[in-house]
Amino acid sequence: MYKRAKSYEDVLECYYQFSKNQCTIIETLLENLKISTNSDHLKDDLRALLKEAFTF
């Protein structure tokens, strides 16, 4: 997508869409896992894992 960008605005739009998609993926994954509020340790571990996986 970046290679096809013809302006800085196009590059920023690609970056924005990528970031937005990553956030949606994480939110959907956390919702689907249905983490209970009582499992703080599990929740912290998953947050750390997801942060490492989607940091760019």
C-alpha atoms as a PDB file:
ATOM      1  CA  MET A   1       0.000   0.000   0.000  1.00  0.00           C
ATOM      2  CA  TYR A   2       2.807   2.401   0.885  1.00  0.00           C
ATOM      3  CA  LYS A   3       4.557   1.750  -2.416  1.00  0.00           C
ATOM      4  CA  ARG A   4       1.460   2.905  -4.278  1.00  0.00           C
ATOM      5  CA  ALA A   5       1.076   6.086  -2.212  1.00  0.00           C
ATOM      6  CA  LYS A   6       1.631   9.201  -4.275  1.00  0.00           C
ATOM      7  CA  SER A   7       1.615  11.759  -1.481  1.00  0.00           C
ATOM      8  CA  TYR A   8       2.271  12.145   2.208  1.00  0.00           C
ATOM      9  CA  GLU A   9      -1.485  12.270   2.739  1.00  0.00           C
ATOM     10  CA  ASP A  10      -1.823   8.830   1.130  1.00  0.00           C
ATOM     11  CA  VAL A  11       0.953   7.434   3.328  1.00  0.00           C
ATOM     12  CA  LEU A  12      -0.675   8.863   6.448  1.00  0.00           C
ATOM     13  CA  GLU A  13      -4.025   7.418   5.401  1.00  0.00           C
ATOM     14  CA  CYS A  14      -2.436   3.984   4.980  1.00  0.00           C
ATOM     15  CA  TYR A  15      -0.799   4.267   8.388  1.00  0.00           C
ATOM     16  CA  TYR A  16      -4.074   5.409   9.961  1.00  0.00           C
ATOM     17  CA  GLN A  17      -6.003   2.481   8.471  1.00  0.00           C
ATOM     18  CA  PHE A  18      -3.330   0.017   9.585  1.00  0.00           C
ATOM     19  CA  SER A  19      -3.394   1.375  13.145  1.00  0.00           C
ATOM     20  CA  LYS A  20      -7.189   1.375  13.227  1.00  0.00           C
ATOM     21  CA  ASN A  21      -7.305  -2.232  12.015  1.00  0.00           C
ATOM     22  CA  GLN A  22      -4.798  -3.335  14.664  1.00  0.00           C
ATOM     23  CA  CYS A  23      -6.918  -1.761  17.414  1.00  0.00           C
ATOM     24  CA  THR A  24     -10.042  -3.446  16.074  1.00  0.00           C
ATOM     25  CA  ILE A  25      -8.292  -6.818  15.988  1.00  0.00           C
ATOM     26  CA  ILE A  26      -7.163  -6.481  19.603  1.00  0.00           C
ATOM     27  CA  GLU A  27     -10.585  -5.326  20.808  1.00  0.00           C
ATOM     28  CA  THR A  28     -12.316  -8.173  19.002  1.00  0.00           C
ATOM     29  CA  LEU A  29      -9.864 -10.740  20.338  1.00  0.00           C
ATOM     30  CA  LEU A  30     -10.279  -9.543  23.918  1.00  0.00           C
ATOM     31  CA  GLU A  31     -14.061  -9.552  23.557  1.00  0.00           C
ATOM     32  CA  ASN A  32     -14.051 -13.050  22.097  1.00  0.00           C
ATOM     33  CA  LEU A  33     -11.844 -14.356  24.893  1.00  0.00           C
ATOM     34  CA  LYS A  34     -14.416 -13.064  27.414  1.00  0.00           C
ATOM     35  CA  ILE A  35     -11.859 -12.428  30.092  1.00  0.00           C
ATOM     36  CA  SER A  36     -13.529 -12.249  33.462  1.00  0.00           C
ATOM     37  CA  THR A  37     -12.790  -9.380  35.827  1.00  0.00           C
ATOM     38  CA  ASN A  38     -11.583 -11.868  38.445  1.00  0.00           C
ATOM     39  CA  SER A  39      -8.625 -13.092  36.396  1.00  0.00           C
ATOM     40  CA  ASP A  40      -6.404 -10.008  36.572  1.00  0.00           C
ATOM     41  CA  HIS A  41      -3.222 -12.072  36.234  1.00  0.00           C
ATOM     42  CA  LEU A  42      -4.448 -13.665  32.983  1.00  0.00           C
ATOM     43  CA  LYS A  43      -5.630 -10.311  31.691  1.00  0.00           C
ATOM     44  CA  ASP A  44      -2.251  -8.685  32.384  1.00  0.00           C
ATOM     45  CA  ASP A  45      -0.414 -11.540  30.669  1.00  0.00           C
ATOM     46  CA  LEU A  46      -2.620 -11.278  27.585  1.00  0.00           C
ATOM     47  CA  ARG A  47      -2.245  -7.498  27.437  1.00  0.00           C
ATOM     48  CA  ALA A  48       1.528  -7.849  27.535  1.00  0.00           C
ATOM     49  CA  LEU A  49       1.430 -10.525  24.844  1.00  0.00           C
ATOM     50  CA  LEU A  50      -0.804  -8.465  22.578  1.00  0.00           C
ATOM     51  CA  LYS A  51       1.251  -5.335  23.133  1.00  0.00           C
ATOM     52  CA  GLU A  52       4.393  -7.161  22.031  1.00  0.00           C
ATOM     53  CA  ALA A  53       2.637  -8.781  19.075  1.00  0.00           C
ATOM     54  CA  PHE A  54       1.161  -5.577  17.664  1.00  0.00           C
ATOM     55  CA  THR A  55       3.844  -3.035  18.474  1.00  0.00           C
ATOM     56  CA  PHE A  56       5.243  -1.519  15.314  1.00  0.00           C
END
